[in-house]
Amino acid sequence: MRNYFNVFTVIILLMMVSISCKTKVEQTSGKEKKKETIKMASMPGPPAIVYKTKKDYFHLVPVILSDDKSKIVSYPAVSDIYRSGKYPYPTRLFNDYLLDNRGITKNVAFLSLTYEEYGKLEKTPTSEELFKKIIDKYPLLEIYKCGLKSDYKNIVEEINQMIQEDKLKME
């Protein structure tokens, strides 16, 4: 029985791989010219989160709270604040919208610490220490999940166009 289950599992996995991969062969008249395009299964990546806040929190470090806002469930390590020679500030978009570069959700809150101040700390504070530094538990006016960042060729240009055409959709 177990062998049948293993065989069945392998067959299902092979079917999934064959469905998610596509090979296209093009032939032109005269000289036989083949062009192959292989489309692999989409790799997950960071979501494209667009948001607007009540105040300007651009330079402040975001943390993620529990649904009831009673504790921090996610926050960056000090070593995560400065990567590839820059801070992960959000990208400014049209009409005061921001494109997230840190990993926020609808449960975001902002600390009283700037990225620069946080990055200079000797060690990552505990969630309890950081909770005392929250300045706004309800900073969002709007938040939108716009697919994956990898879905875009020029994410800033394309999302700005969505903003101008009022095509953002609530998360």
C-alpha atoms as a PDB file:
ATOM      1  CA  MET A   1       0.000   0.000   0.000  1.00  0.00           C
ATOM      2  CA  ARG A   2       2.802   2.373   0.902  1.00  0.00           C
ATOM      3  CA  ASN A   3       4.527   1.737  -2.459  1.00  0.00           C
ATOM      4  CA  TYR A   4       1.324   2.675  -4.296  1.00  0.00           C
ATOM      5  CA  PHE A   5       1.132   5.885  -2.313  1.00  0.00           C
ATOM      6  CA  ASN A   6       4.754   6.764  -3.162  1.00  0.00           C
ATOM      7  CA  VAL A   7       4.200   6.034  -6.859  1.00  0.00           C
ATOM      8  CA  PHE A   8       1.010   8.103  -6.837  1.00  0.00           C
ATOM      9  CA  THR A   9       2.848  11.003  -5.158  1.00  0.00           C
ATOM     10  CA  VAL A  10       5.643  10.904  -7.742  1.00  0.00           C
ATOM     11  CA  ILE A  11       3.116  10.879 -10.597  1.00  0.00           C
ATOM     12  CA  ILE A  12       1.293  13.886  -9.147  1.00  0.00           C
ATOM     13  CA  LEU A  13       4.569  15.792  -8.712  1.00  0.00           C
ATOM     14  CA  LEU A  14       5.611  15.027 -12.294  1.00  0.00           C
ATOM     15  CA  MET A  15       2.245  16.215 -13.564  1.00  0.00           C
ATOM     16  CA  MET A  16       2.570  19.459 -11.613  1.00  0.00           C
ATOM     17  CA  VAL A  17       6.051  20.093 -13.011  1.00  0.00           C
ATOM     18  CA  SER A  18       4.948  19.369 -16.567  1.00  0.00           C
ATOM     19  CA  ILE A  19       1.969  21.704 -16.225  1.00  0.00           C
ATOM     20  CA  SER A  20       4.037  24.554 -14.802  1.00  0.00           C
ATOM     21  CA  CYS A  21       6.786  24.334 -17.423  1.00  0.00           C
ATOM     22  CA  LYS A  22       6.169  25.158 -21.061  1.00  0.00           C
ATOM     23  CA  THR A  23       8.365  24.680 -24.084  1.00  0.00           C
ATOM     24  CA  LYS A  24       7.609  26.548 -27.276  1.00  0.00           C
ATOM     25  CA  VAL A  25       9.280  25.600 -30.544  1.00  0.00           C
ATOM     26  CA  GLU A  26       9.012  27.963 -33.514  1.00  0.00           C
ATOM     27  CA  GLN A  27       9.934  26.997 -37.053  1.00  0.00           C
ATOM     28  CA  THR A  28      10.362  29.424 -39.928  1.00  0.00           C
ATOM     29  CA  SER A  29      10.043  28.554 -43.601  1.00  0.00           C
ATOM     30  CA  GLY A  30      13.189  27.866 -45.616  1.00  0.00           C
ATOM     31  CA  LYS A  31      16.019  27.308 -43.195  1.00  0.00           C
ATOM     32  CA  GLU A  32      14.848  25.342 -40.247  1.00  0.00           C
ATOM     33  CA  LYS A  33      15.272  27.738 -37.352  1.00  0.00           C
ATOM     34  CA  LYS A  34      14.135  26.658 -33.919  1.00  0.00           C
ATOM     35  CA  LYS A  35      13.497  29.026 -31.089  1.00  0.00           C
ATOM     36  CA  GLU A  36      12.918  27.511 -27.699  1.00  0.00           C
ATOM     37  CA  THR A  37      11.329  29.342 -24.839  1.00  0.00           C
ATOM     38  CA  ILE A  38      11.116  27.630 -21.524  1.00  0.00           C
ATOM     39  CA  LYS A  39       8.789  29.119 -18.973  1.00  0.00           C
ATOM     40  CA  MET A  40       9.479  27.781 -15.524  1.00  0.00           C
ATOM     41  CA  ALA A  41       7.014  27.760 -12.660  1.00  0.00           C
ATOM     42  CA  SER A  42       6.723  31.185 -11.078  1.00  0.00           C
ATOM     43  CA  MET A  43       9.086  31.616  -8.217  1.00  0.00           C
ATOM     44  CA  PRO A  44       7.564  33.312  -5.200  1.00  0.00           C
ATOM     45  CA  GLY A  45       9.079  36.614  -4.288  1.00  0.00           C
ATOM     46  CA  PRO A  46       8.373  39.707  -2.257  1.00  0.00           C
ATOM     47  CA  PRO A  47       4.883  41.110  -2.631  1.00  0.00           C
ATOM     48  CA  ALA A  48       4.311  44.574  -4.074  1.00  0.00           C
ATOM     49  CA  ILE A  49       2.693  46.364  -1.145  1.00  0.00           C
ATOM     50  CA  VAL A  50       1.530  49.926  -1.739  1.00  0.00           C
ATOM     51  CA  TYR A  51       0.336  52.017   1.166  1.00  0.00           C
ATOM     52  CA  LYS A  52      -0.420  55.488   2.463  1.00  0.00           C
ATOM     53  CA  THR A  53       0.096  56.629   6.063  1.00  0.00           C
ATOM     54  CA  LYS A  54      -1.569  59.262   8.259  1.00  0.00           C
ATOM     55  CA  LYS A  55       1.758  61.004   8.848  1.00  0.00           C
ATOM     56  CA  ASP A  56       5.226  60.934   7.335  1.00  0.00           C
ATOM     57  CA  TYR A  57       6.894  57.795   8.708  1.00  0.00           C
ATOM     58  CA  PHE A  58       9.269  57.459   5.754  1.00  0.00           C
ATOM     59  CA  HIS A  59      12.494  57.316   7.839  1.00  0.00           C
ATOM     60  CA  LEU A  60      11.061  55.266  10.723  1.00  0.00           C
ATOM     61  CA  VAL A  61      11.473  51.524  11.237  1.00  0.00           C
ATOM     62  CA  PRO A  62       8.285  49.468  10.796  1.00  0.00           C
ATOM     63  CA  VAL A  63       7.384  46.451  12.923  1.00  0.00           C
ATOM     64  CA  ILE A  64       4.465  44.044  12.603  1.00  0.00           C
ATOM     65  CA  LEU A  65       1.950  43.709  15.434  1.00  0.00           C
ATOM     66  CA  SER A  66      -0.407  40.893  16.327  1.00  0.00           C
ATOM     67  CA  ASP A  67      -4.008  41.298  15.143  1.00  0.00           C
ATOM     68  CA  ASP A  68      -5.030  42.672  18.533  1.00  0.00           C
ATOM     69  CA  LYS A  69      -2.044  45.106  18.523  1.00  0.00           C
ATOM     70  CA  SER A  70      -0.881  43.797  21.912  1.00  0.00           C
ATOM     71  CA  LYS A  71       2.580  42.562  20.894  1.00  0.00           C
ATOM     72  CA  ILE A  72       5.178  42.691  18.142  1.00  0.00           C
ATOM     73  CA  VAL A  73       5.220  39.525  16.048  1.00  0.00           C
ATOM     74  CA  SER A  74       7.907  40.547  13.541  1.00  0.00           C
ATOM     75  CA  TYR A  75      10.750  43.039  13.560  1.00  0.00           C
ATOM     76  CA  PRO A  76      14.108  43.394  11.832  1.00  0.00           C
ATOM     77  CA  ALA A  77      17.460  42.451  13.247  1.00  0.00           C
ATOM     78  CA  VAL A  78      19.914  45.326  13.385  1.00  0.00           C
ATOM     79  CA  SER A  79      21.880  43.565  10.638  1.00  0.00           C
ATOM     80  CA  ASP A  80      18.797  43.659   8.350  1.00  0.00           C
ATOM     81  CA  ILE A  81      18.525  47.437   8.372  1.00  0.00           C
ATOM     82  CA  TYR A  82      21.464  48.276   6.127  1.00  0.00           C
ATOM     83  CA  ARG A  83      21.806  46.006   3.100  1.00  0.00           C
ATOM     84  CA  SER A  84      23.748  46.450  -0.121  1.00  0.00           C
ATOM     85  CA  GLY A  85      24.913  49.875   0.972  1.00  0.00           C
ATOM     86  CA  LYS A  86      21.475  51.350   1.659  1.00  0.00           C
ATOM     87  CA  TYR A  87      18.545  51.459   4.046  1.00  0.00           C
ATOM     88  CA  PRO A  88      15.284  49.793   2.956  1.00  0.00           C
ATOM     89  CA  TYR A  89      13.242  52.994   2.837  1.00  0.00           C
ATOM     90  CA  PRO A  90       9.967  52.700   1.000  1.00  0.00           C
ATOM     91  CA  THR A  91       9.893  54.005  -2.561  1.00  0.00           C
ATOM     92  CA  ARG A  92       7.932  57.231  -2.990  1.00  0.00           C
ATOM     93  CA  LEU A  93       5.090  57.031  -5.494  1.00  0.00           C
ATOM     94  CA  PHE A  94       2.476  59.476  -6.790  1.00  0.00           C
ATOM     95  CA  ASN A  95      -0.099  61.030  -4.434  1.00  0.00           C
ATOM     96  CA  ASP A  96       1.872  60.255  -1.250  1.00  0.00           C
ATOM     97  CA  TYR A  97       1.705  56.489  -1.775  1.00  0.00           C
ATOM     98  CA  LEU A  98       4.690  54.361  -0.822  1.00  0.00           C
ATOM     99  CA  LEU A  99       5.988  51.061  -2.187  1.00  0.00           C
ATOM    100  CA  ASP A 100       7.142  48.845   0.650  1.00  0.00           C
ATOM    101  CA  ASN A 101      10.742  47.624   0.699  1.00  0.00           C
ATOM    102  CA  ARG A 102      10.769  46.214   4.228  1.00  0.00           C
ATOM    103  CA  GLY A 103       7.915  43.697   4.423  1.00  0.00           C
ATOM    104  CA  ILE A 104       4.933  45.391   6.034  1.00  0.00           C
ATOM    105  CA  THR A 105       1.358  44.177   6.439  1.00  0.00           C
ATOM    106  CA  LYS A 106      -1.926  45.748   7.527  1.00  0.00           C
ATOM    107  CA  ASN A 107      -0.670  45.265  11.112  1.00  0.00           C
ATOM    108  CA  VAL A 108       2.317  47.567  10.687  1.00  0.00           C
ATOM    109  CA  ALA A 109       3.322  50.010  13.410  1.00  0.00           C
ATOM    110  CA  PHE A 110       6.196  52.469  13.411  1.00  0.00           C
ATOM    111  CA  LEU A 111       8.928  52.913  15.991  1.00  0.00           C
ATOM    112  CA  SER A 112      10.313  56.225  17.152  1.00  0.00           C
ATOM    113  CA  LEU A 113      13.670  55.063  15.742  1.00  0.00           C
ATOM    114  CA  THR A 114      14.920  55.997  12.290  1.00  0.00           C
ATOM    115  CA  TYR A 115      16.669  53.426  10.130  1.00  0.00           C
ATOM    116  CA  GLU A 116      19.976  55.168  10.864  1.00  0.00           C
ATOM    117  CA  GLU A 117      19.431  55.077  14.641  1.00  0.00           C
ATOM    118  CA  TYR A 118      18.303  51.459  14.560  1.00  0.00           C
ATOM    119  CA  GLY A 119      21.245  50.447  12.390  1.00  0.00           C
ATOM    120  CA  LYS A 120      23.695  51.924  14.903  1.00  0.00           C
ATOM    121  CA  LEU A 121      22.393  49.858  17.829  1.00  0.00           C
ATOM    122  CA  GLU A 122      24.943  47.382  19.172  1.00  0.00           C
ATOM    123  CA  LYS A 123      22.405  44.560  19.319  1.00  0.00           C
ATOM    124  CA  THR A 124      18.858  43.903  18.235  1.00  0.00           C
ATOM    125  CA  PRO A 125      16.423  44.936  20.976  1.00  0.00           C
ATOM    126  CA  THR A 126      13.814  42.528  22.309  1.00  0.00           C
ATOM    127  CA  SER A 127      10.245  42.795  21.073  1.00  0.00           C
ATOM    128  CA  GLU A 128       9.252  44.087  24.520  1.00  0.00           C
ATOM    129  CA  GLU A 129      11.840  46.894  24.321  1.00  0.00           C
ATOM    130  CA  LEU A 130      10.683  47.798  20.827  1.00  0.00           C
ATOM    131  CA  PHE A 131       7.014  47.735  21.794  1.00  0.00           C
ATOM    132  CA  LYS A 132       7.698  50.658  24.170  1.00  0.00           C
ATOM    133  CA  LYS A 133       9.099  52.627  21.191  1.00  0.00           C
ATOM    134  CA  ILE A 134       5.978  52.357  19.021  1.00  0.00           C
ATOM    135  CA  ILE A 135       4.645  55.790  18.156  1.00  0.00           C
ATOM    136  CA  ASP A 136       1.624  54.733  16.103  1.00  0.00           C
ATOM    137  CA  LYS A 137      -0.215  51.386  16.181  1.00  0.00           C
ATOM    138  CA  TYR A 138      -2.679  52.518  13.487  1.00  0.00           C
ATOM    139  CA  PRO A 139      -0.602  54.442  10.918  1.00  0.00           C
ATOM    140  CA  LEU A 140      -2.254  53.300   7.683  1.00  0.00           C
ATOM    141  CA  LEU A 141      -4.851  55.126   5.679  1.00  0.00           C
ATOM    142  CA  GLU A 142      -4.737  52.595   2.848  1.00  0.00           C
ATOM    143  CA  ILE A 143      -2.852  49.411   1.945  1.00  0.00           C
ATOM    144  CA  TYR A 144      -2.897  47.408  -1.290  1.00  0.00           C
ATOM    145  CA  LYS A 145      -1.323  44.130  -2.330  1.00  0.00           C
ATOM    146  CA  CYS A 146      -0.427  44.495  -6.013  1.00  0.00           C
ATOM    147  CA  GLY A 147       0.845  41.021  -6.836  1.00  0.00           C
ATOM    148  CA  LEU A 148       4.545  40.213  -6.685  1.00  0.00           C
ATOM    149  CA  LYS A 149       7.339  42.668  -7.394  1.00  0.00           C
ATOM    150  CA  SER A 150       8.618  40.210  -9.993  1.00  0.00           C
ATOM    151  CA  ASP A 151       5.344  40.652 -11.933  1.00  0.00           C
ATOM    152  CA  TYR A 152       6.506  44.091 -13.075  1.00  0.00           C
ATOM    153  CA  LYS A 153       9.044  45.218 -15.645  1.00  0.00           C
ATOM    154  CA  ASN A 154       9.198  48.751 -14.198  1.00  0.00           C
ATOM    155  CA  ILE A 155       7.369  48.552 -10.900  1.00  0.00           C
ATOM    156  CA  VAL A 156       7.457  52.255 -10.019  1.00  0.00           C
ATOM    157  CA  GLU A 157       6.212  53.372 -13.420  1.00  0.00           C
ATOM    158  CA  GLU A 158       3.510  50.720 -13.603  1.00  0.00           C
ATOM    159  CA  ILE A 159       2.180  51.261 -10.084  1.00  0.00           C
ATOM    160  CA  ASN A 160       2.228  55.038 -10.561  1.00  0.00           C
ATOM    161  CA  GLN A 161       0.048  54.466 -13.615  1.00  0.00           C
ATOM    162  CA  MET A 162      -2.323  52.334 -11.519  1.00  0.00           C
ATOM    163  CA  ILE A 163      -2.496  55.158  -8.959  1.00  0.00           C
ATOM    164  CA  GLN A 164      -3.251  57.746 -11.652  1.00  0.00           C
ATOM    165  CA  GLU A 165      -5.980  55.526 -13.105  1.00  0.00           C
ATOM    166  CA  ASP A 166      -7.380  54.788  -9.613  1.00  0.00           C
ATOM    167  CA  LYS A 167      -6.864  51.044 -10.127  1.00  0.00           C
ATOM    168  CA  LEU A 168      -5.382  50.054  -6.772  1.00  0.00           C
ATOM    169  CA  LYS A 169      -7.422  47.341  -5.037  1.00  0.00           C
ATOM    170  CA  MET A 170      -7.728  46.887  -1.268  1.00  0.00           C
ATOM    171  CA  GLU A 171      -5.820  44.018   0.352  1.00  0.00           C
END
